[in-house]
Amino acid sequence: MPNPFDLANILILPFIASLVTIDTTSAPRNASVWLAWTTETIKKLPSKTSSSSKGITQDTRIAV
């Protein structure tokens, strides 16, 4: 018998996701990043000095 699908078991795994931020010219900027998802937050695993982190600091509108 197959195991039931449990979304919580999948979301606790680290994933590579496409993170889109907006640069200083209002153009979209795409970066592949490691993400860890909890029930309340998405944690981005690259460093605070990465281009995607800088993009989030400049403009908090993002797409994952």
PDB file of N, CA and C in Angstrom:
ATOM      1  N   MET A   1       0.855  -1.176   0.000  1.00  0.00           N
ATOM      2  CA  MET A   1       0.000   0.000   0.000  1.00  0.00           C
ATOM      3  C   MET A   1       0.903   1.243   0.000  1.00  0.00           C
ATOM      4  N   PRO A   2       0.640   2.219  -0.867  1.00  0.00           N
ATOM      5  CA  PRO A   2       1.472   3.423  -0.907  1.00  0.00           C
ATOM      6  C   PRO A   2       1.317   4.265   0.355  1.00  0.00           C
ATOM      7  N   ASN A   3       2.398   4.972   0.685  1.00  0.00           N
ATOM      8  CA  ASN A   3       2.348   5.879   1.832  1.00  0.00           C
ATOM      9  C   ASN A   3       1.519   7.101   1.472  1.00  0.00           C
ATOM     10  N   PRO A   4       0.762   7.633   2.426  1.00  0.00           N
ATOM     11  CA  PRO A   4      -0.003   8.857   2.139  1.00  0.00           C
ATOM     12  C   PRO A   4       0.943  10.038   1.927  1.00  0.00           C
ATOM     13  N   PHE A   5       0.546  10.924   1.059  1.00  0.00           N
ATOM     14  CA  PHE A   5       1.340  12.117   0.778  1.00  0.00           C
ATOM     15  C   PHE A   5       1.268  13.054   1.968  1.00  0.00           C
ATOM     16  N   ASP A   6       2.423  13.466   2.475  1.00  0.00           N
ATOM     17  CA  ASP A   6       2.484  14.382   3.613  1.00  0.00           C
ATOM     18  C   ASP A   6       3.315  15.593   3.210  1.00  0.00           C
ATOM     19  N   LEU A   7       2.643  16.700   2.941  1.00  0.00           N
ATOM     20  CA  LEU A   7       3.318  17.920   2.507  1.00  0.00           C
ATOM     21  C   LEU A   7       4.352  18.398   3.524  1.00  0.00           C
ATOM     22  N   ALA A   8       4.095  18.252   4.794  1.00  0.00           N
ATOM     23  CA  ALA A   8       5.029  18.699   5.830  1.00  0.00           C
ATOM     24  C   ALA A   8       6.372  17.980   5.703  1.00  0.00           C
ATOM     25  N   ASN A   9       6.372  16.701   5.329  1.00  0.00           N
ATOM     26  CA  ASN A   9       7.620  15.957   5.152  1.00  0.00           C
ATOM     27  C   ASN A   9       8.421  16.471   3.965  1.00  0.00           C
ATOM     28  N   ILE A  10       7.767  17.027   2.982  1.00  0.00           N
ATOM     29  CA  ILE A  10       8.468  17.565   1.812  1.00  0.00           C
ATOM     30  C   ILE A  10       8.996  18.965   2.103  1.00  0.00           C
ATOM     31  N   LEU A  11       8.212  19.788   2.769  1.00  0.00           N
ATOM     32  CA  LEU A  11       8.602  21.179   2.993  1.00  0.00           C
ATOM     33  C   LEU A  11       9.752  21.336   3.980  1.00  0.00           C
ATOM     34  N   ILE A  12      10.064  20.318   4.768  1.00  0.00           N
ATOM     35  CA  ILE A  12      11.193  20.435   5.692  1.00  0.00           C
ATOM     36  C   ILE A  12      12.525  20.174   4.998  1.00  0.00           C
ATOM     37  N   LEU A  13      12.505  19.698   3.757  1.00  0.00           N
ATOM     38  CA  LEU A  13      13.727  19.439   3.002  1.00  0.00           C
ATOM     39  C   LEU A  13      14.255  20.722   2.379  1.00  0.00           C
ATOM     40  N   PRO A  14      15.580  20.851   2.221  1.00  0.00           N
ATOM     41  CA  PRO A  14      16.112  22.028   1.514  1.00  0.00           C
ATOM     42  C   PRO A  14      15.848  21.909   0.019  1.00  0.00           C
ATOM     43  N   PHE A  15      15.504  23.000  -0.601  1.00  0.00           N
ATOM     44  CA  PHE A  15      15.194  23.030  -2.023  1.00  0.00           C
ATOM     45  C   PHE A  15      16.011  24.095  -2.730  1.00  0.00           C
ATOM     46  N   ILE A  16      16.263  23.887  -4.011  1.00  0.00           N
ATOM     47  CA  ILE A  16      16.799  24.945  -4.851  1.00  0.00           C
ATOM     48  C   ILE A  16      15.594  25.614  -5.489  1.00  0.00           C
ATOM     49  N   ALA A  17      15.518  26.916  -5.345  1.00  0.00           N
ATOM     50  CA  ALA A  17      14.388  27.660  -5.878  1.00  0.00           C
ATOM     51  C   ALA A  17      14.882  28.836  -6.704  1.00  0.00           C
ATOM     52  N   SER A  18      14.008  29.346  -7.514  1.00  0.00           N
ATOM     53  CA  SER A  18      14.296  30.552  -8.268  1.00  0.00           C
ATOM     54  C   SER A  18      13.762  31.729  -7.465  1.00  0.00           C
ATOM     55  N   LEU A  19      14.655  32.624  -7.084  1.00  0.00           N
ATOM     56  CA  LEU A  19      14.286  33.803  -6.299  1.00  0.00           C
ATOM     57  C   LEU A  19      14.410  35.021  -7.200  1.00  0.00           C
ATOM     58  N   VAL A  20      13.315  35.738  -7.362  1.00  0.00           N
ATOM     59  CA  VAL A  20      13.321  36.922  -8.217  1.00  0.00           C
ATOM     60  C   VAL A  20      13.203  38.160  -7.339  1.00  0.00           C
ATOM     61  N   THR A  21      14.163  39.062  -7.510  1.00  0.00           N
ATOM     62  CA  THR A  21      14.157  40.342  -6.804  1.00  0.00           C
ATOM     63  C   THR A  21      14.118  41.458  -7.844  1.00  0.00           C
ATOM     64  N   ILE A  22      14.059  42.683  -7.380  1.00  0.00           N
ATOM     65  CA  ILE A  22      14.021  43.840  -8.276  1.00  0.00           C
ATOM     66  C   ILE A  22      15.291  44.643  -8.051  1.00  0.00           C
ATOM     67  N   ASP A  23      16.019  44.935  -9.137  1.00  0.00           N
ATOM     68  CA  ASP A  23      17.270  45.676  -8.976  1.00  0.00           C
ATOM     69  C   ASP A  23      17.012  47.180  -8.902  1.00  0.00           C
ATOM     70  N   THR A  24      18.069  47.952  -8.828  1.00  0.00           N
ATOM     71  CA  THR A  24      17.940  49.399  -8.637  1.00  0.00           C
ATOM     72  C   THR A  24      17.309  50.119  -9.825  1.00  0.00           C
ATOM     73  N   THR A  25      17.253  49.456 -10.988  1.00  0.00           N
ATOM     74  CA  THR A  25      16.597  50.057 -12.157  1.00  0.00           C
ATOM     75  C   THR A  25      15.165  49.548 -12.321  1.00  0.00           C
ATOM     76  N   SER A  26      14.660  48.836 -11.314  1.00  0.00           N
ATOM     77  CA  SER A  26      13.322  48.236 -11.297  1.00  0.00           C
ATOM     78  C   SER A  26      13.181  47.066 -12.263  1.00  0.00           C
ATOM     79  N   ALA A  27      14.288  46.514 -12.706  1.00  0.00           N
ATOM     80  CA  ALA A  27      14.257  45.329 -13.560  1.00  0.00           C
ATOM     81  C   ALA A  27      14.300  44.077 -12.682  1.00  0.00           C
ATOM     82  N   PRO A  28      13.636  42.996 -13.109  1.00  0.00           N
ATOM     83  CA  PRO A  28      13.699  41.760 -12.322  1.00  0.00           C
ATOM     84  C   PRO A  28      15.079  41.130 -12.406  1.00  0.00           C
ATOM     85  N   ARG A  29      15.486  40.527 -11.316  1.00  0.00           N
ATOM     86  CA  ARG A  29      16.766  39.813 -11.266  1.00  0.00           C
ATOM     87  C   ARG A  29      16.496  38.435 -10.683  1.00  0.00           C
ATOM     88  N   ASN A  30      16.934  37.396 -11.379  1.00  0.00           N
ATOM     89  CA  ASN A  30      16.664  36.022 -10.997  1.00  0.00           C
ATOM     90  C   ASN A  30      17.934  35.357 -10.456  1.00  0.00           C
ATOM     91  N   ALA A  31      17.803  34.595  -9.374  1.00  0.00           N
ATOM     92  CA  ALA A  31      18.930  33.853  -8.812  1.00  0.00           C
ATOM     93  C   ALA A  31      18.431  32.510  -8.293  1.00  0.00           C
ATOM     94  N   SER A  32      19.211  31.475  -8.520  1.00  0.00           N
ATOM     95  CA  SER A  32      18.911  30.167  -7.926  1.00  0.00           C
ATOM     96  C   SER A  32      19.502  30.150  -6.526  1.00  0.00           C
ATOM     97  N   VAL A  33      18.691  29.772  -5.543  1.00  0.00           N
ATOM     98  CA  VAL A  33      19.142  29.784  -4.149  1.00  0.00           C
ATOM     99  C   VAL A  33      18.650  28.526  -3.436  1.00  0.00           C
ATOM    100  N   TRP A  34      19.377  28.133  -2.397  1.00  0.00           N
ATOM    101  CA  TRP A  34      18.917  27.068  -1.510  1.00  0.00           C
ATOM    102  C   TRP A  34      17.903  27.672  -0.550  1.00  0.00           C
ATOM    103  N   LEU A  35      16.769  27.007  -0.397  1.00  0.00           N
ATOM    104  CA  LEU A  35      15.743  27.475   0.530  1.00  0.00           C
ATOM    105  C   LEU A  35      15.401  26.373   1.517  1.00  0.00           C
ATOM    106  N   ALA A  36      15.099  26.761   2.725  1.00  0.00           N
ATOM    107  CA  ALA A  36      14.546  25.862   3.733  1.00  0.00           C
ATOM    108  C   ALA A  36      13.207  26.456   4.157  1.00  0.00           C
ATOM    109  N   TRP A  37      12.168  25.670   4.085  1.00  0.00           N
ATOM    110  CA  TRP A  37      10.806  26.141   4.348  1.00  0.00           C
ATOM    111  C   TRP A  37      10.354  25.609   5.692  1.00  0.00           C
ATOM    112  N   THR A  38       9.857  26.482   6.564  1.00  0.00           N
ATOM    113  CA  THR A  38       9.214  26.040   7.803  1.00  0.00           C
ATOM    114  C   THR A  38       7.743  26.413   7.690  1.00  0.00           C
ATOM    115  N   THR A  39       6.971  26.114   8.696  1.00  0.00           N
ATOM    116  CA  THR A  39       5.547  26.419   8.633  1.00  0.00           C
ATOM    117  C   THR A  39       5.272  27.914   8.622  1.00  0.00           C
ATOM    118  N   GLU A  40       6.244  28.716   9.061  1.00  0.00           N
ATOM    119  CA  GLU A  40       6.016  30.156   9.150  1.00  0.00           C
ATOM    120  C   GLU A  40       6.943  30.989   8.280  1.00  0.00           C
ATOM    121  N   THR A  41       8.081  30.452   7.865  1.00  0.00           N
ATOM    122  CA  THR A  41       9.057  31.264   7.151  1.00  0.00           C
ATOM    123  C   THR A  41       9.724  30.482   6.023  1.00  0.00           C
ATOM    124  N   ILE A  42      10.316  31.246   5.115  1.00  0.00           N
ATOM    125  CA  ILE A  42      11.213  30.688   4.114  1.00  0.00           C
ATOM    126  C   ILE A  42      12.592  31.223   4.459  1.00  0.00           C
ATOM    127  N   LYS A  43      13.558  30.330   4.627  1.00  0.00           N
ATOM    128  CA  LYS A  43      14.925  30.748   4.943  1.00  0.00           C
ATOM    129  C   LYS A  43      15.788  30.579   3.706  1.00  0.00           C
ATOM    130  N   LYS A  44      16.464  31.640   3.337  1.00  0.00           N
ATOM    131  CA  LYS A  44      17.358  31.637   2.185  1.00  0.00           C
ATOM    132  C   LYS A  44      18.752  31.334   2.700  1.00  0.00           C
ATOM    133  N   LEU A  45      19.402  30.347   2.104  1.00  0.00           N
ATOM    134  CA  LEU A  45      20.655  29.878   2.668  1.00  0.00           C
ATOM    135  C   LEU A  45      21.930  30.557   2.163  1.00  0.00           C
ATOM    136  N   PRO A  46      21.967  31.272   1.047  1.00  0.00           N
ATOM    137  CA  PRO A  46      23.219  31.958   0.687  1.00  0.00           C
ATOM    138  C   PRO A  46      23.570  33.062   1.679  1.00  0.00           C
ATOM    139  N   SER A  47      24.775  33.569   1.562  1.00  0.00           N
ATOM    140  CA  SER A  47      25.267  34.564   2.510  1.00  0.00           C
ATOM    141  C   SER A  47      24.517  35.888   2.426  1.00  0.00           C
ATOM    142  N   LYS A  48      24.681  36.697   3.446  1.00  0.00           N
ATOM    143  CA  LYS A  48      24.037  38.007   3.480  1.00  0.00           C
ATOM    144  C   LYS A  48      24.623  38.970   2.450  1.00  0.00           C
ATOM    145  N   THR A  49      25.812  38.651   1.930  1.00  0.00           N
ATOM    146  CA  THR A  49      26.443  39.531   0.947  1.00  0.00           C
ATOM    147  C   THR A  49      26.186  39.097  -0.499  1.00  0.00           C
ATOM    148  N   SER A  50      25.378  38.062  -0.706  1.00  0.00           N
ATOM    149  CA  SER A  50      25.093  37.612  -2.066  1.00  0.00           C
ATOM    150  C   SER A  50      24.225  38.632  -2.791  1.00  0.00           C
ATOM    151  N   SER A  51      24.208  38.561  -4.113  1.00  0.00           N
ATOM    152  CA  SER A  51      23.414  39.515  -4.891  1.00  0.00           C
ATOM    153  C   SER A  51      21.922  39.387  -4.587  1.00  0.00           C
ATOM    154  N   SER A  52      21.448  38.180  -4.325  1.00  0.00           N
ATOM    155  CA  SER A  52      20.021  38.037  -4.003  1.00  0.00           C
ATOM    156  C   SER A  52      19.699  38.665  -2.652  1.00  0.00           C
ATOM    157  N   SER A  53      20.610  38.561  -1.686  1.00  0.00           N
ATOM    158  CA  SER A  53      20.393  39.206  -0.383  1.00  0.00           C
ATOM    159  C   SER A  53      20.391  40.723  -0.521  1.00  0.00           C
ATOM    160  N   LYS A  54      21.294  41.239  -1.325  1.00  0.00           N
ATOM    161  CA  LYS A  54      21.331  42.683  -1.557  1.00  0.00           C
ATOM    162  C   LYS A  54      20.046  43.152  -2.231  1.00  0.00           C
ATOM    163  N   GLY A  55      19.531  42.353  -3.164  1.00  0.00           N
ATOM    164  CA  GLY A  55      18.286  42.712  -3.840  1.00  0.00           C
ATOM    165  C   GLY A  55      17.111  42.785  -2.881  1.00  0.00           C
ATOM    166  N   ILE A  56      17.051  41.847  -1.929  1.00  0.00           N
ATOM    167  CA  ILE A  56      15.963  41.857  -0.937  1.00  0.00           C
ATOM    168  C   ILE A  56      16.094  43.070  -0.031  1.00  0.00           C
ATOM    169  N   THR A  57      17.312  43.451   0.293  1.00  0.00           N
ATOM    170  CA  THR A  57      17.535  44.621   1.134  1.00  0.00           C
ATOM    171  C   THR A  57      17.099  45.901   0.427  1.00  0.00           C
ATOM    172  N   GLN A  58      17.348  45.997  -0.897  1.00  0.00           N
ATOM    173  CA  GLN A  58      16.983  47.195  -1.653  1.00  0.00           C
ATOM    174  C   GLN A  58      15.484  47.305  -1.879  1.00  0.00           C
ATOM    175  N   ASP A  59      14.826  46.159  -2.098  1.00  0.00           N
ATOM    176  CA  ASP A  59      13.387  46.162  -2.367  1.00  0.00           C
ATOM    177  C   ASP A  59      12.834  44.835  -1.879  1.00  0.00           C
ATOM    178  N   THR A  60      11.925  44.849  -0.925  1.00  0.00           N
ATOM    179  CA  THR A  60      11.454  43.623  -0.299  1.00  0.00           C
ATOM    180  C   THR A  60      10.436  42.854  -1.129  1.00  0.00           C
ATOM    181  N   ARG A  61      10.056  43.353  -2.281  1.00  0.00           N
ATOM    182  CA  ARG A  61       9.145  42.596  -3.146  1.00  0.00           C
ATOM    183  C   ARG A  61       9.938  41.482  -3.829  1.00  0.00           C
ATOM    184  N   ILE A  62       9.527  40.232  -3.565  1.00  0.00           N
ATOM    185  CA  ILE A  62      10.207  39.093  -4.162  1.00  0.00           C
ATOM    186  C   ILE A  62       9.187  38.084  -4.690  1.00  0.00           C
ATOM    187  N   ALA A  63       9.675  37.175  -5.521  1.00  0.00           N
ATOM    188  CA  ALA A  63       8.882  36.035  -5.970  1.00  0.00           C
ATOM    189  C   ALA A  63       9.760  34.799  -5.809  1.00  0.00           C
ATOM    190  N   VAL A  64       9.163  33.703  -5.350  1.00  0.00           N
ATOM    191  CA  VAL A  64       9.905  32.458  -5.171  1.00  0.00           C
ATOM    192  C   VAL A  64       9.286  31.407  -6.065  1.00  0.00           C
TER     193      VAL A  64
END
